[in-house]
Amino acid sequence: MSEVVSLDRELKVALRTGSIVLGSREVLKLISVGKGKLVIVASNCPELVKEQIEYYAKLSGIPIYHAPYTNMEIGEMCQRKHSISSLLVLEEGESEILKLVEQ
């Protein structure tokens, strides 16, 4: 019996106990030098940004999770009042957010 990992729940735990970087510019900077454990991309992330993130993540060997949520929904999950097209998990803390790519 495998338990489904909820992005909403695990993202809140990771924000509280781990280290998360929000925003495409910051995500691109860090993954281009190989930092991070998981990239999460919103379903409506701009195509050019998504391609750049996929390219650098592939070069760095960092897994990508294409979330079935819009950038506004991810912003709400992060308790922000703005949209977030992508985010990078540097440290997962007590969350099981890295299991998203195993599903």
N, C-alpha and C. Protein backbone atom coordinates (compact mmCIF):
# COMPACT_ATOMS: atom_id res chain seq x y z
N MET A 1 0.85 -1.18 0.00
CA MET A 1 0.00 0.00 0.00
C MET A 1 0.89 1.24 0.00
N SER A 2 0.85 1.99 -1.10
CA SER A 2 1.68 3.19 -1.15
C SER A 2 0.84 4.41 -0.83
N GLU A 3 1.41 5.30 -0.06
CA GLU A 3 0.71 6.50 0.35
C GLU A 3 1.00 7.61 -0.66
N VAL A 4 -0.04 8.31 -1.08
CA VAL A 4 0.11 9.40 -2.03
C VAL A 4 0.65 10.62 -1.28
N VAL A 5 1.69 11.22 -1.84
CA VAL A 5 2.29 12.39 -1.23
C VAL A 5 1.56 13.63 -1.75
N SER A 6 1.09 14.46 -0.85
CA SER A 6 0.35 15.68 -1.20
C SER A 6 1.34 16.84 -1.32
N LEU A 7 1.35 17.47 -2.49
CA LEU A 7 2.25 18.62 -2.70
C LEU A 7 1.93 19.72 -1.70
N ASP A 8 0.67 20.01 -1.51
CA ASP A 8 0.26 21.08 -0.60
C ASP A 8 0.80 20.85 0.81
N ARG A 9 0.54 19.66 1.35
CA ARG A 9 0.97 19.34 2.73
C ARG A 9 2.50 19.32 2.84
N GLU A 10 3.15 18.64 1.91
CA GLU A 10 4.61 18.49 2.00
C GLU A 10 5.33 19.81 1.75
N LEU A 11 4.77 20.65 0.89
CA LEU A 11 5.37 21.96 0.64
C LEU A 11 5.33 22.83 1.89
N LYS A 12 4.23 22.78 2.61
CA LYS A 12 4.12 23.55 3.86
C LYS A 12 5.12 23.06 4.90
N VAL A 13 5.29 21.74 5.00
CA VAL A 13 6.26 21.18 5.95
C VAL A 13 7.68 21.57 5.53
N ALA A 14 7.98 21.48 4.23
CA ALA A 14 9.31 21.82 3.73
C ALA A 14 9.62 23.29 3.94
N LEU A 15 8.64 24.16 3.75
CA LEU A 15 8.85 25.60 3.97
C LEU A 15 9.16 25.88 5.43
N ARG A 16 8.52 25.12 6.32
CA ARG A 16 8.70 25.33 7.76
C ARG A 16 10.00 24.72 8.28
N THR A 17 10.36 23.52 7.79
CA THR A 17 11.49 22.80 8.39
C THR A 17 12.70 22.67 7.47
N GLY A 18 12.53 22.96 6.19
CA GLY A 18 13.63 22.79 5.24
C GLY A 18 14.07 24.11 4.65
N SER A 19 14.56 24.02 3.42
CA SER A 19 15.03 25.21 2.72
C SER A 19 14.50 25.17 1.29
N ILE A 20 13.68 26.16 0.93
CA ILE A 20 13.05 26.24 -0.37
C ILE A 20 13.38 27.60 -0.99
N VAL A 21 13.69 27.61 -2.28
CA VAL A 21 13.93 28.86 -3.00
C VAL A 21 12.76 29.06 -3.95
N LEU A 22 12.15 30.24 -3.90
CA LEU A 22 10.99 30.56 -4.71
C LEU A 22 11.38 31.48 -5.86
N GLY A 23 10.80 31.25 -7.03
CA GLY A 23 11.00 32.16 -8.15
C GLY A 23 11.94 31.62 -9.21
N SER A 24 11.56 31.82 -10.46
CA SER A 24 12.29 31.25 -11.58
C SER A 24 13.72 31.77 -11.71
N ARG A 25 13.93 33.07 -11.48
CA ARG A 25 15.30 33.60 -11.59
C ARG A 25 16.25 32.95 -10.60
N GLU A 26 15.80 32.85 -9.35
CA GLU A 26 16.63 32.23 -8.32
C GLU A 26 16.83 30.75 -8.59
N VAL A 27 15.77 30.07 -9.02
CA VAL A 27 15.85 28.64 -9.34
C VAL A 27 16.88 28.42 -10.44
N LEU A 28 16.81 29.22 -11.52
CA LEU A 28 17.76 29.07 -12.64
C LEU A 28 19.20 29.31 -12.20
N LYS A 29 19.41 30.32 -11.36
CA LYS A 29 20.77 30.60 -10.86
C LYS A 29 21.34 29.39 -10.13
N LEU A 30 20.54 28.81 -9.24
CA LEU A 30 21.04 27.73 -8.40
C LEU A 30 21.19 26.41 -9.16
N ILE A 31 20.23 26.06 -10.02
CA ILE A 31 20.36 24.77 -10.72
C ILE A 31 21.45 24.82 -11.77
N SER A 32 21.78 26.02 -12.28
CA SER A 32 22.85 26.10 -13.27
C SER A 32 24.22 25.79 -12.66
N VAL A 33 24.32 25.88 -11.33
CA VAL A 33 25.57 25.51 -10.65
C VAL A 33 25.41 24.19 -9.88
N GLY A 34 24.30 23.48 -10.13
CA GLY A 34 24.12 22.14 -9.57
C GLY A 34 23.58 22.06 -8.16
N LYS A 35 22.99 23.15 -7.66
CA LYS A 35 22.44 23.11 -6.30
C LYS A 35 20.97 22.74 -6.35
N GLY A 36 20.52 22.03 -5.33
CA GLY A 36 19.11 21.68 -5.21
C GLY A 36 18.87 20.20 -5.35
N LYS A 37 17.71 19.78 -4.82
CA LYS A 37 17.35 18.36 -4.84
C LYS A 37 16.14 18.08 -5.71
N LEU A 38 15.28 19.09 -5.90
CA LEU A 38 14.06 18.91 -6.68
C LEU A 38 13.55 20.27 -7.15
N VAL A 39 13.18 20.34 -8.43
CA VAL A 39 12.56 21.54 -8.98
C VAL A 39 11.08 21.24 -9.16
N ILE A 40 10.23 22.16 -8.75
CA ILE A 40 8.79 22.04 -8.97
C ILE A 40 8.38 23.17 -9.88
N VAL A 41 7.69 22.81 -10.98
CA VAL A 41 7.29 23.78 -12.00
C VAL A 41 5.77 23.80 -12.09
N ALA A 42 5.18 25.00 -12.13
CA ALA A 42 3.72 25.16 -12.24
C ALA A 42 3.26 24.76 -13.64
N SER A 43 1.99 24.39 -13.73
CA SER A 43 1.44 23.94 -15.01
C SER A 43 1.40 25.06 -16.05
N ASN A 44 1.31 26.31 -15.60
CA ASN A 44 1.27 27.42 -16.55
C ASN A 44 2.54 28.27 -16.52
N CYS A 45 3.64 27.65 -16.17
CA CYS A 45 4.94 28.32 -16.19
C CYS A 45 5.22 28.73 -17.65
N PRO A 46 5.73 29.95 -17.89
CA PRO A 46 6.04 30.36 -19.26
C PRO A 46 6.95 29.33 -19.96
N GLU A 47 6.65 29.05 -21.20
CA GLU A 47 7.34 27.99 -21.95
C GLU A 47 8.85 28.19 -21.99
N LEU A 48 9.31 29.40 -22.23
CA LEU A 48 10.76 29.66 -22.31
C LEU A 48 11.43 29.36 -20.97
N VAL A 49 10.81 29.80 -19.89
CA VAL A 49 11.35 29.56 -18.55
C VAL A 49 11.38 28.06 -18.26
N LYS A 50 10.29 27.37 -18.60
CA LYS A 50 10.20 25.92 -18.38
C LYS A 50 11.31 25.19 -19.14
N GLU A 51 11.55 25.59 -20.39
CA GLU A 51 12.60 24.96 -21.19
C GLU A 51 13.99 25.19 -20.58
N GLN A 52 14.24 26.42 -20.10
CA GLN A 52 15.53 26.72 -19.48
C GLN A 52 15.71 25.89 -18.20
N ILE A 53 14.67 25.80 -17.39
CA ILE A 53 14.74 25.03 -16.14
C ILE A 53 14.99 23.56 -16.46
N GLU A 54 14.25 23.02 -17.44
CA GLU A 54 14.43 21.61 -17.81
C GLU A 54 15.85 21.35 -18.31
N TYR A 55 16.39 22.27 -19.10
CA TYR A 55 17.74 22.12 -19.65
C TYR A 55 18.78 22.07 -18.53
N TYR A 56 18.77 23.08 -17.66
CA TYR A 56 19.78 23.14 -16.59
C TYR A 56 19.59 22.03 -15.55
N ALA A 57 18.35 21.67 -15.28
CA ALA A 57 18.11 20.59 -14.33
C ALA A 57 18.63 19.27 -14.89
N LYS A 58 18.44 19.05 -16.18
CA LYS A 58 18.94 17.82 -16.79
C LYS A 58 20.47 17.78 -16.75
N LEU A 59 21.10 18.90 -17.05
CA LEU A 59 22.57 18.97 -16.99
C LEU A 59 23.08 18.69 -15.58
N SER A 60 22.36 19.18 -14.59
CA SER A 60 22.79 19.04 -13.19
C SER A 60 22.28 17.76 -12.55
N GLY A 61 21.42 17.02 -13.23
CA GLY A 61 20.88 15.79 -12.66
C GLY A 61 19.87 16.01 -11.56
N ILE A 62 19.17 17.14 -11.60
CA ILE A 62 18.16 17.47 -10.59
C ILE A 62 16.79 17.09 -11.15
N PRO A 63 16.02 16.27 -10.42
CA PRO A 63 14.71 15.87 -10.91
C PRO A 63 13.73 17.05 -10.95
N ILE A 64 12.77 16.97 -11.88
CA ILE A 64 11.74 18.00 -12.03
C ILE A 64 10.38 17.37 -11.79
N TYR A 65 9.55 18.07 -11.04
CA TYR A 65 8.16 17.66 -10.84
C TYR A 65 7.28 18.70 -11.49
N HIS A 66 6.52 18.30 -12.50
CA HIS A 66 5.58 19.20 -13.17
C HIS A 66 4.26 19.13 -12.40
N ALA A 67 4.04 20.15 -11.59
CA ALA A 67 2.87 20.16 -10.70
C ALA A 67 1.59 20.40 -11.51
N PRO A 68 0.51 19.74 -11.12
CA PRO A 68 -0.77 19.96 -11.80
C PRO A 68 -1.50 21.20 -11.27
N TYR A 69 -0.75 22.18 -10.81
CA TYR A 69 -1.32 23.39 -10.23
C TYR A 69 -0.78 24.61 -10.98
N THR A 70 -1.58 25.68 -11.00
CA THR A 70 -1.13 26.92 -11.64
C THR A 70 -0.17 27.66 -10.72
N ASN A 71 0.46 28.69 -11.27
CA ASN A 71 1.40 29.47 -10.46
C ASN A 71 0.69 30.21 -9.31
N MET A 72 -0.56 30.59 -9.50
CA MET A 72 -1.30 31.24 -8.41
C MET A 72 -1.61 30.24 -7.29
N GLU A 73 -1.95 29.01 -7.67
CA GLU A 73 -2.24 27.98 -6.66
C GLU A 73 -0.98 27.62 -5.87
N ILE A 74 0.16 27.55 -6.54
CA ILE A 74 1.41 27.27 -5.83
C ILE A 74 1.76 28.43 -4.91
N GLY A 75 1.51 29.66 -5.37
CA GLY A 75 1.72 30.83 -4.51
C GLY A 75 0.89 30.75 -3.24
N GLU A 76 -0.37 30.31 -3.38
CA GLU A 76 -1.24 30.16 -2.20
C GLU A 76 -0.72 29.06 -1.28
N MET A 77 -0.23 27.96 -1.86
CA MET A 77 0.31 26.87 -1.04
C MET A 77 1.51 27.35 -0.21
N CYS A 78 2.28 28.26 -0.80
CA CYS A 78 3.46 28.81 -0.11
C CYS A 78 3.08 29.99 0.79
N GLN A 79 1.78 30.25 0.89
CA GLN A 79 1.25 31.35 1.69
C GLN A 79 1.81 32.70 1.26
N ARG A 80 1.90 32.87 -0.06
CA ARG A 80 2.33 34.14 -0.65
C ARG A 80 1.15 34.74 -1.41
N LYS A 81 1.18 36.04 -1.58
CA LYS A 81 0.08 36.71 -2.30
C LYS A 81 0.44 36.97 -3.75
N HIS A 82 1.44 36.26 -4.25
CA HIS A 82 1.84 36.42 -5.65
C HIS A 82 2.03 35.04 -6.27
N SER A 83 2.13 35.02 -7.58
CA SER A 83 2.29 33.74 -8.27
C SER A 83 3.73 33.25 -8.17
N ILE A 84 3.88 31.93 -8.18
CA ILE A 84 5.20 31.29 -8.14
C ILE A 84 5.21 30.23 -9.23
N SER A 85 5.98 30.49 -10.29
CA SER A 85 6.03 29.57 -11.42
C SER A 85 6.93 28.37 -11.16
N SER A 86 7.95 28.58 -10.34
CA SER A 86 8.84 27.46 -10.04
C SER A 86 9.48 27.67 -8.67
N LEU A 87 9.88 26.54 -8.09
CA LEU A 87 10.59 26.60 -6.82
C LEU A 87 11.58 25.45 -6.75
N LEU A 88 12.57 25.61 -5.90
CA LEU A 88 13.64 24.64 -5.77
C LEU A 88 13.77 24.20 -4.33
N VAL A 89 13.78 22.89 -4.13
CA VAL A 89 13.98 22.33 -2.79
C VAL A 89 15.48 22.15 -2.59
N LEU A 90 16.04 22.93 -1.66
CA LEU A 90 17.46 22.78 -1.31
C LEU A 90 17.62 21.72 -0.23
N GLU A 91 16.76 21.80 0.79
CA GLU A 91 16.71 20.82 1.88
C GLU A 91 15.25 20.53 2.16
N GLU A 92 14.90 19.26 2.22
CA GLU A 92 13.49 18.90 2.42
C GLU A 92 13.02 18.98 3.86
N GLY A 93 13.94 19.07 4.81
CA GLY A 93 13.54 19.13 6.22
C GLY A 93 12.83 17.86 6.63
N GLU A 94 11.72 17.98 7.32
CA GLU A 94 10.96 16.82 7.79
C GLU A 94 9.91 16.35 6.78
N SER A 95 9.84 17.02 5.63
CA SER A 95 8.82 16.67 4.63
C SER A 95 9.26 15.47 3.80
N GLU A 96 8.30 14.93 3.06
CA GLU A 96 8.57 13.83 2.13
C GLU A 96 8.39 14.31 0.70
N ILE A 97 8.69 15.57 0.46
CA ILE A 97 8.43 16.20 -0.83
C ILE A 97 9.23 15.54 -1.97
N LEU A 98 10.38 14.96 -1.66
CA LEU A 98 11.19 14.33 -2.70
C LEU A 98 10.52 13.08 -3.26
N LYS A 99 9.55 12.53 -2.52
CA LYS A 99 8.83 11.34 -3.00
C LYS A 99 7.88 11.67 -4.15
N LEU A 100 7.65 12.96 -4.41
CA LEU A 100 6.78 13.34 -5.53
C LEU A 100 7.27 12.79 -6.86
N VAL A 101 8.57 12.78 -7.05
CA VAL A 101 9.13 12.30 -8.33
C VAL A 101 9.14 10.78 -8.42
N GLU A 102 8.88 10.10 -7.32
CA GLU A 102 8.85 8.63 -7.33
C GLU A 102 7.48 8.10 -7.70
N GLN A 103 6.46 8.98 -7.65
CA GLN A 103 5.08 8.53 -7.92
C GLN A 103 4.84 8.31 -9.40
